[in-house]
């Protein structure tokens, strides 16, 4: 059986402005602050923080992902891939931050990949989608908290 391609999308709304969400999501060194119990850090730094070429480490031992920024549009869009061997091939994550009519942000987090081992795609899609459902909720809460403080 040939490997298949899978994708998923998560949509959330936040009262925080796009810049607050973007700053938290792209700064891999600070995920440990708001995405507990995940641990995070930098494998490779880029300027601006989290810009093209940056590689953030994020996860829980023994599963640590290395995510490299491919595209960076300040306060608007962040695109990344897995920089090291991962349980899927050709992963592409895209986070879009769109100002909404209420003065906050519509957040869209998409992911796509090709299954590395034929037949594992549905399970990996649910795992990645489930992880990003939790992380995106934590991101929204942290951004909203930071704009109230």
N, C-alpha and C. Protein backbone atom coordinates (compact mmCIF):
# COMPACT_ATOMS: atom_id res chain seq x y z
N UNK A 1 0.85 -1.18 0.00
CA UNK A 1 0.00 0.00 0.00
C UNK A 1 0.90 1.25 0.00
N UNK A 2 0.63 2.17 -0.89
CA UNK A 2 1.42 3.41 -0.98
C UNK A 2 1.05 4.36 0.15
N UNK A 3 2.05 5.11 0.66
CA UNK A 3 1.75 6.10 1.71
C UNK A 3 0.72 7.12 1.22
N UNK A 4 -0.15 7.51 2.13
CA UNK A 4 -1.20 8.49 1.79
C UNK A 4 -0.94 9.80 2.51
N UNK A 5 -1.56 10.86 2.00
CA UNK A 5 -1.44 12.19 2.59
C UNK A 5 -2.69 12.47 3.43
N UNK A 6 -2.47 13.10 4.57
CA UNK A 6 -3.55 13.44 5.51
C UNK A 6 -3.43 14.90 5.90
N UNK A 7 -4.55 15.47 6.32
CA UNK A 7 -4.54 16.85 6.80
C UNK A 7 -5.61 17.04 7.87
N UNK A 8 -5.48 18.14 8.59
CA UNK A 8 -6.45 18.51 9.61
C UNK A 8 -6.41 20.03 9.77
N UNK A 9 -7.45 20.55 10.41
CA UNK A 9 -7.53 21.99 10.65
C UNK A 9 -8.23 22.25 11.97
N UNK A 10 -7.72 23.20 12.71
CA UNK A 10 -8.30 23.63 13.98
C UNK A 10 -8.60 25.12 13.88
N UNK A 11 -9.79 25.51 14.27
CA UNK A 11 -10.17 26.93 14.25
C UNK A 11 -10.59 27.37 15.64
N UNK A 12 -10.08 28.51 16.06
CA UNK A 12 -10.42 29.09 17.36
C UNK A 12 -10.54 30.59 17.21
N UNK A 13 -11.27 31.20 18.13
CA UNK A 13 -11.37 32.66 18.19
C UNK A 13 -10.80 33.10 19.52
N UNK A 14 -10.18 34.28 19.52
CA UNK A 14 -9.59 34.82 20.74
C UNK A 14 -9.92 36.30 20.84
N UNK A 15 -10.01 36.80 22.06
CA UNK A 15 -10.20 38.23 22.26
C UNK A 15 -8.87 38.98 22.17
N UNK A 16 -7.75 38.25 22.18
CA UNK A 16 -6.42 38.87 22.09
C UNK A 16 -6.13 39.28 20.64
N UNK A 17 -5.31 40.30 20.46
CA UNK A 17 -4.93 40.72 19.10
C UNK A 17 -3.98 39.71 18.46
N UNK A 18 -3.90 39.70 17.13
CA UNK A 18 -3.01 38.76 16.44
C UNK A 18 -1.57 38.80 16.95
N UNK A 19 -1.05 39.98 17.23
CA UNK A 19 0.35 40.10 17.67
C UNK A 19 0.61 39.31 18.95
N UNK A 20 -0.33 39.29 19.87
CA UNK A 20 -0.14 38.57 21.14
C UNK A 20 -0.07 37.06 20.91
N UNK A 21 -0.95 36.54 20.07
CA UNK A 21 -0.95 35.11 19.76
C UNK A 21 0.30 34.73 18.96
N UNK A 22 0.63 35.53 17.97
CA UNK A 22 1.77 35.27 17.11
C UNK A 22 3.06 35.22 17.92
N UNK A 23 3.25 36.19 18.80
CA UNK A 23 4.46 36.28 19.62
C UNK A 23 4.64 35.00 20.45
N UNK A 24 3.58 34.51 21.06
CA UNK A 24 3.67 33.30 21.87
C UNK A 24 3.93 32.06 21.01
N UNK A 25 3.22 31.94 19.91
CA UNK A 25 3.32 30.73 19.08
C UNK A 25 4.68 30.61 18.40
N UNK A 26 5.28 31.71 17.99
CA UNK A 26 6.55 31.63 17.26
C UNK A 26 7.77 31.56 18.17
N UNK A 27 7.62 31.92 19.45
CA UNK A 27 8.77 31.93 20.36
C UNK A 27 8.91 30.56 21.03
N UNK A 28 9.61 29.67 20.36
CA UNK A 28 9.79 28.31 20.86
C UNK A 28 10.47 28.21 22.20
N UNK A 29 11.21 29.22 22.57
CA UNK A 29 11.87 29.21 23.86
C UNK A 29 10.93 29.43 25.02
N UNK A 30 9.71 29.91 24.74
CA UNK A 30 8.77 30.23 25.81
C UNK A 30 7.56 29.30 25.88
N UNK A 31 7.48 28.29 25.03
CA UNK A 31 6.33 27.38 25.09
C UNK A 31 6.21 26.73 26.46
N UNK A 32 7.33 26.48 27.12
CA UNK A 32 7.29 25.88 28.47
C UNK A 32 6.51 26.74 29.45
N UNK A 33 6.46 28.05 29.20
CA UNK A 33 5.75 28.98 30.09
C UNK A 33 4.23 28.84 29.98
N UNK A 34 3.73 28.61 28.77
CA UNK A 34 2.27 28.63 28.57
C UNK A 34 1.67 27.31 28.10
N UNK A 35 2.48 26.39 27.61
CA UNK A 35 1.95 25.13 27.06
C UNK A 35 2.32 23.94 27.95
N UNK A 36 2.25 24.14 29.24
CA UNK A 36 2.59 23.06 30.19
C UNK A 36 1.69 21.86 29.96
N UNK A 37 2.22 20.68 30.06
CA UNK A 37 3.51 20.30 30.62
C UNK A 37 4.62 20.21 29.59
N UNK A 38 4.41 20.73 28.38
CA UNK A 38 5.44 20.66 27.34
C UNK A 38 6.70 21.39 27.78
N UNK A 39 7.82 20.88 27.31
CA UNK A 39 9.11 21.52 27.49
C UNK A 39 9.51 22.11 26.15
N UNK A 40 10.25 23.21 26.17
CA UNK A 40 10.62 23.84 24.91
C UNK A 40 11.98 24.52 25.01
N UNK A 41 12.53 24.81 23.87
CA UNK A 41 13.80 25.52 23.78
C UNK A 41 14.17 25.73 22.33
N UNK A 42 15.33 26.31 22.12
CA UNK A 42 15.81 26.57 20.77
C UNK A 42 16.90 25.60 20.38
N UNK A 43 16.76 25.00 19.23
CA UNK A 43 17.83 24.21 18.61
C UNK A 43 18.68 25.15 17.76
N UNK A 44 18.00 26.08 17.08
CA UNK A 44 18.69 27.09 16.26
C UNK A 44 17.90 28.39 16.34
N UNK A 45 18.55 29.46 16.65
CA UNK A 45 17.97 30.78 16.80
C UNK A 45 17.88 31.48 15.44
N UNK A 46 16.90 32.34 15.28
CA UNK A 46 16.80 33.18 14.08
C UNK A 46 16.27 34.54 14.51
N UNK A 47 16.59 35.55 13.75
CA UNK A 47 16.11 36.90 14.01
C UNK A 47 15.24 37.30 12.83
N UNK A 48 13.96 37.68 13.10
CA UNK A 48 13.33 37.85 14.40
C UNK A 48 13.12 36.52 15.11
N UNK A 49 12.78 36.59 16.40
CA UNK A 49 12.56 35.39 17.20
C UNK A 49 11.58 34.47 16.48
N UNK A 50 12.01 33.25 16.20
CA UNK A 50 11.15 32.28 15.52
C UNK A 50 11.08 32.47 14.02
N UNK A 51 11.93 33.34 13.47
CA UNK A 51 11.90 33.63 12.03
C UNK A 51 12.39 32.47 11.19
N UNK A 52 12.42 32.68 9.88
CA UNK A 52 12.81 31.64 8.92
C UNK A 52 14.17 31.06 9.31
N UNK A 53 14.21 29.73 9.37
CA UNK A 53 15.43 29.01 9.73
C UNK A 53 15.52 28.64 11.20
N UNK A 54 14.71 29.25 12.06
CA UNK A 54 14.72 28.90 13.48
C UNK A 54 14.22 27.48 13.66
N UNK A 55 14.78 26.78 14.63
CA UNK A 55 14.31 25.43 14.96
C UNK A 55 14.00 25.40 16.46
N UNK A 56 12.73 25.17 16.78
CA UNK A 56 12.33 25.05 18.18
C UNK A 56 12.21 23.58 18.53
N UNK A 57 12.56 23.28 19.80
CA UNK A 57 12.37 21.94 20.35
C UNK A 57 11.16 22.03 21.26
N UNK A 58 10.21 21.13 21.07
CA UNK A 58 9.02 21.15 21.91
C UNK A 58 8.50 19.73 22.08
N UNK A 59 8.07 19.41 23.28
CA UNK A 59 7.49 18.09 23.52
C UNK A 59 7.65 17.65 24.96
N UNK A 60 7.43 16.38 25.16
CA UNK A 60 7.60 15.72 26.46
C UNK A 60 8.49 14.51 26.23
N UNK A 61 9.51 14.37 27.05
CA UNK A 61 10.39 13.21 26.92
C UNK A 61 9.56 11.93 26.97
N UNK A 62 9.76 11.00 26.08
CA UNK A 62 10.83 10.89 25.11
C UNK A 62 10.51 11.45 23.73
N UNK A 63 9.34 12.08 23.57
CA UNK A 63 8.95 12.60 22.26
C UNK A 63 9.21 14.11 22.21
N UNK A 64 10.31 14.47 21.56
CA UNK A 64 10.67 15.88 21.38
C UNK A 64 10.68 16.15 19.88
N UNK A 65 9.89 17.12 19.46
CA UNK A 65 9.83 17.48 18.04
C UNK A 65 10.75 18.68 17.79
N UNK A 66 11.36 18.70 16.63
CA UNK A 66 12.20 19.81 16.20
C UNK A 66 11.48 20.43 15.01
N UNK A 67 10.99 21.65 15.21
CA UNK A 67 10.15 22.31 14.20
C UNK A 67 10.89 23.51 13.61
N UNK A 68 11.10 23.48 12.31
CA UNK A 68 11.83 24.54 11.62
C UNK A 68 10.87 25.49 10.91
N UNK A 69 11.07 26.79 11.14
CA UNK A 69 10.25 27.81 10.49
C UNK A 69 10.62 27.91 9.02
N UNK A 70 9.61 27.79 8.16
CA UNK A 70 9.78 27.92 6.71
C UNK A 70 9.33 29.28 6.20
N UNK A 71 8.23 29.79 6.78
CA UNK A 71 7.69 31.09 6.37
C UNK A 71 7.27 31.84 7.63
N UNK A 72 7.48 33.15 7.62
CA UNK A 72 7.23 33.98 8.80
C UNK A 72 6.70 35.33 8.33
N UNK A 73 5.43 35.57 8.56
CA UNK A 73 4.82 36.86 8.23
C UNK A 73 4.36 37.47 9.55
N UNK A 74 5.11 38.46 10.02
CA UNK A 74 4.91 39.05 11.33
C UNK A 74 3.44 39.27 11.67
N UNK A 75 3.01 38.72 12.81
CA UNK A 75 1.66 38.87 13.36
C UNK A 75 0.56 38.31 12.47
N UNK A 76 0.92 37.58 11.41
CA UNK A 76 -0.09 37.11 10.46
C UNK A 76 -0.04 35.61 10.18
N UNK A 77 1.18 35.06 9.97
CA UNK A 77 1.26 33.68 9.49
C UNK A 77 2.61 33.07 9.84
N UNK A 78 2.57 31.80 10.26
CA UNK A 78 3.78 31.05 10.59
C UNK A 78 3.65 29.66 9.98
N UNK A 79 4.65 29.26 9.21
CA UNK A 79 4.66 27.95 8.56
C UNK A 79 5.92 27.22 9.02
N UNK A 80 5.76 25.95 9.39
CA UNK A 80 6.90 25.18 9.89
C UNK A 80 6.81 23.73 9.43
N UNK A 81 7.92 23.02 9.59
CA UNK A 81 8.00 21.60 9.26
C UNK A 81 8.80 20.90 10.34
N UNK A 82 8.79 19.59 10.34
CA UNK A 82 9.64 18.84 11.27
C UNK A 82 11.05 18.82 10.70
N UNK A 83 12.02 19.25 11.50
CA UNK A 83 13.40 19.38 11.04
C UNK A 83 14.20 18.09 11.16
N UNK A 84 13.69 17.16 11.92
CA UNK A 84 14.37 15.88 12.11
C UNK A 84 13.39 14.76 11.82
N UNK A 85 13.91 13.57 11.82
CA UNK A 85 13.06 12.39 11.59
C UNK A 85 11.87 12.44 12.55
N UNK A 86 10.71 12.17 12.02
CA UNK A 86 9.46 12.23 12.79
C UNK A 86 8.61 11.02 12.43
N UNK A 87 7.53 10.81 13.17
CA UNK A 87 6.68 9.66 12.87
C UNK A 87 5.87 9.81 11.57
N UNK A 88 5.99 10.97 10.93
CA UNK A 88 5.33 11.22 9.64
C UNK A 88 6.34 11.87 8.70
N UNK A 89 6.06 11.83 7.41
CA UNK A 89 6.90 12.49 6.41
C UNK A 89 6.24 13.77 5.93
N UNK A 90 7.07 14.69 5.48
CA UNK A 90 6.60 15.90 4.78
C UNK A 90 5.58 16.70 5.59
N UNK A 91 5.75 16.77 6.89
CA UNK A 91 4.81 17.54 7.71
C UNK A 91 4.93 19.02 7.38
N UNK A 92 3.79 19.67 7.30
CA UNK A 92 3.75 21.12 7.10
C UNK A 92 2.65 21.66 8.02
N UNK A 93 3.06 22.51 8.95
CA UNK A 93 2.12 23.17 9.84
C UNK A 93 2.00 24.62 9.43
N UNK A 94 0.79 25.15 9.49
CA UNK A 94 0.56 26.56 9.15
C UNK A 94 -0.40 27.14 10.17
N UNK A 95 0.01 28.26 10.76
CA UNK A 95 -0.83 28.94 11.73
C UNK A 95 -1.11 30.33 11.17
N UNK A 96 -2.41 30.65 11.03
CA UNK A 96 -2.82 31.94 10.46
C UNK A 96 -3.58 32.72 11.53
N UNK A 97 -3.20 33.98 11.70
CA UNK A 97 -3.78 34.87 12.70
C UNK A 97 -4.49 35.99 11.96
N UNK A 98 -5.83 36.00 12.00
CA UNK A 98 -6.61 36.98 11.24
C UNK A 98 -7.41 37.86 12.19
N UNK A 99 -7.22 39.20 12.10
CA UNK A 99 -8.04 40.08 12.94
C UNK A 99 -9.52 39.84 12.64
N UNK A 100 -10.36 39.85 13.69
CA UNK A 100 -11.79 39.66 13.45
C UNK A 100 -12.58 40.91 13.83
N UNK A 101 -13.85 40.93 13.48
CA UNK A 101 -14.70 42.11 13.67
C UNK A 101 -14.88 42.48 15.14
N UNK A 102 -14.69 41.51 16.04
CA UNK A 102 -14.86 41.78 17.48
C UNK A 102 -13.62 42.42 18.09
N UNK A 103 -12.57 42.60 17.29
CA UNK A 103 -11.34 43.20 17.79
C UNK A 103 -10.32 42.18 18.26
N UNK A 104 -10.63 40.92 18.11
CA UNK A 104 -9.71 39.85 18.50
C UNK A 104 -9.10 39.19 17.29
N UNK A 105 -8.94 37.88 17.39
CA UNK A 105 -8.25 37.13 16.34
C UNK A 105 -8.98 35.83 16.04
N UNK A 106 -9.09 35.51 14.77
CA UNK A 106 -9.49 34.17 14.34
C UNK A 106 -8.20 33.42 14.06
N UNK A 107 -8.05 32.29 14.73
CA UNK A 107 -6.84 31.47 14.63
C UNK A 107 -7.17 30.22 13.82
N UNK A 108 -6.36 29.96 12.82
CA UNK A 108 -6.51 28.73 12.03
C UNK A 108 -5.18 28.00 12.04
N UNK A 109 -5.17 26.77 12.54
CA UNK A 109 -3.95 25.96 12.63
C UNK A 109 -4.18 24.72 11.78
N UNK A 110 -3.40 24.60 10.72
CA UNK A 110 -3.54 23.47 9.80
C UNK A 110 -2.28 22.63 9.79
N UNK A 111 -2.47 21.37 9.53
CA UNK A 111 -1.33 20.47 9.39
C UNK A 111 -1.59 19.47 8.28
N UNK A 112 -0.53 19.08 7.60
CA UNK A 112 -0.64 18.04 6.58
C UNK A 112 0.65 17.22 6.59
N UNK A 113 0.54 15.97 6.18
CA UNK A 113 1.70 15.08 6.18
C UNK A 113 1.40 13.86 5.32
N UNK A 114 2.46 13.12 5.03
CA UNK A 114 2.35 11.82 4.37
C UNK A 114 2.72 10.77 5.41
N UNK A 115 1.94 9.72 5.47
CA UNK A 115 2.25 8.68 6.46
C UNK A 115 3.60 8.05 6.13
N UNK A 116 4.41 7.87 7.15
CA UNK A 116 5.73 7.25 6.97
C UNK A 116 5.59 5.74 6.85
N UNK A 117 4.71 5.19 7.67
CA UNK A 117 4.43 3.76 7.62
C UNK A 117 3.00 3.59 7.12
N UNK A 118 2.83 2.94 5.96
CA UNK A 118 1.48 2.79 5.41
C UNK A 118 0.50 2.24 6.45
N UNK A 119 -0.67 2.86 6.50
CA UNK A 119 -1.72 2.44 7.42
C UNK A 119 -1.74 3.22 8.73
N UNK A 120 -0.69 4.00 9.02
CA UNK A 120 -0.63 4.73 10.29
C UNK A 120 -1.20 6.15 10.19
N UNK A 121 -1.54 6.60 9.00
CA UNK A 121 -1.99 7.97 8.79
C UNK A 121 -3.18 8.40 9.64
N UNK A 122 -4.26 7.61 9.69
CA UNK A 122 -5.40 8.03 10.50
C UNK A 122 -5.04 8.22 11.99
N UNK A 123 -4.25 7.31 12.53
CA UNK A 123 -3.84 7.43 13.93
C UNK A 123 -2.97 8.66 14.15
N UNK A 124 -2.02 8.89 13.26
CA UNK A 124 -1.13 10.05 13.39
C UNK A 124 -1.91 11.36 13.22
N UNK A 125 -2.89 11.38 12.33
CA UNK A 125 -3.72 12.58 12.17
C UNK A 125 -4.45 12.90 13.48
N UNK A 126 -5.02 11.89 14.10
CA UNK A 126 -5.74 12.12 15.36
C UNK A 126 -4.79 12.52 16.48
N UNK A 127 -3.62 11.93 16.51
CA UNK A 127 -2.63 12.29 17.54
C UNK A 127 -2.21 13.76 17.37
N UNK A 128 -1.81 14.14 16.16
CA UNK A 128 -1.35 15.51 15.92
C UNK A 128 -2.49 16.51 16.12
N UNK A 129 -3.66 16.20 15.60
CA UNK A 129 -4.81 17.09 15.77
C UNK A 129 -5.16 17.24 17.24
N UNK A 130 -5.17 16.14 17.97
CA UNK A 130 -5.48 16.19 19.40
C UNK A 130 -4.48 17.03 20.17
N UNK A 131 -3.20 16.85 19.88
CA UNK A 131 -2.16 17.64 20.55
C UNK A 131 -2.34 19.12 20.25
N UNK A 132 -2.62 19.46 18.99
CA UNK A 132 -2.76 20.87 18.63
C UNK A 132 -4.08 21.46 19.11
N UNK A 133 -5.10 20.65 19.32
CA UNK A 133 -6.33 21.15 19.95
C UNK A 133 -6.02 21.66 21.35
N UNK A 134 -5.26 20.88 22.11
CA UNK A 134 -4.88 21.28 23.47
C UNK A 134 -3.96 22.50 23.42
N UNK A 135 -2.93 22.44 22.58
CA UNK A 135 -1.96 23.54 22.51
C UNK A 135 -2.62 24.83 22.05
N UNK A 136 -3.51 24.76 21.07
CA UNK A 136 -4.16 25.99 20.58
C UNK A 136 -5.05 26.60 21.65
N UNK A 137 -5.71 25.77 22.46
CA UNK A 137 -6.52 26.29 23.56
C UNK A 137 -5.63 26.96 24.60
N UNK A 138 -4.49 26.35 24.90
CA UNK A 138 -3.55 26.95 25.84
C UNK A 138 -3.01 28.27 25.29
N UNK A 139 -2.74 28.32 23.99
CA UNK A 139 -2.24 29.53 23.35
C UNK A 139 -3.25 30.66 23.50
N UNK A 140 -4.51 30.38 23.21
CA UNK A 140 -5.55 31.41 23.31
C UNK A 140 -5.65 31.92 24.75
N UNK A 141 -5.67 31.01 25.71
CA UNK A 141 -5.76 31.41 27.14
C UNK A 141 -4.57 32.28 27.54
N UNK A 142 -3.37 31.88 27.15
CA UNK A 142 -2.17 32.62 27.52
C UNK A 142 -2.15 34.01 26.87
N UNK A 143 -2.55 34.10 25.61
CA UNK A 143 -2.57 35.41 24.93
C UNK A 143 -3.61 36.32 25.57
N UNK A 144 -4.75 35.78 25.90
CA UNK A 144 -5.81 36.59 26.53
C UNK A 144 -5.38 37.05 27.93
N UNK A 145 -4.70 36.17 28.65
CA UNK A 145 -4.18 36.54 29.98
C UNK A 145 -3.15 37.67 29.85
N UNK A 146 -2.27 37.57 28.85
CA UNK A 146 -1.20 38.55 28.69
C UNK A 146 -1.74 39.93 28.30
N UNK A 147 -2.88 39.96 27.63
CA UNK A 147 -3.44 41.26 27.24
C UNK A 147 -4.29 41.87 28.34
N UNK A 148 -4.66 41.07 29.36
CA UNK A 148 -5.41 41.61 30.51
C UNK A 148 -4.47 42.14 31.57
N UNK A 149 -3.27 41.57 31.66
CA UNK A 149 -2.32 41.94 32.72
C UNK A 149 -1.76 43.34 32.52
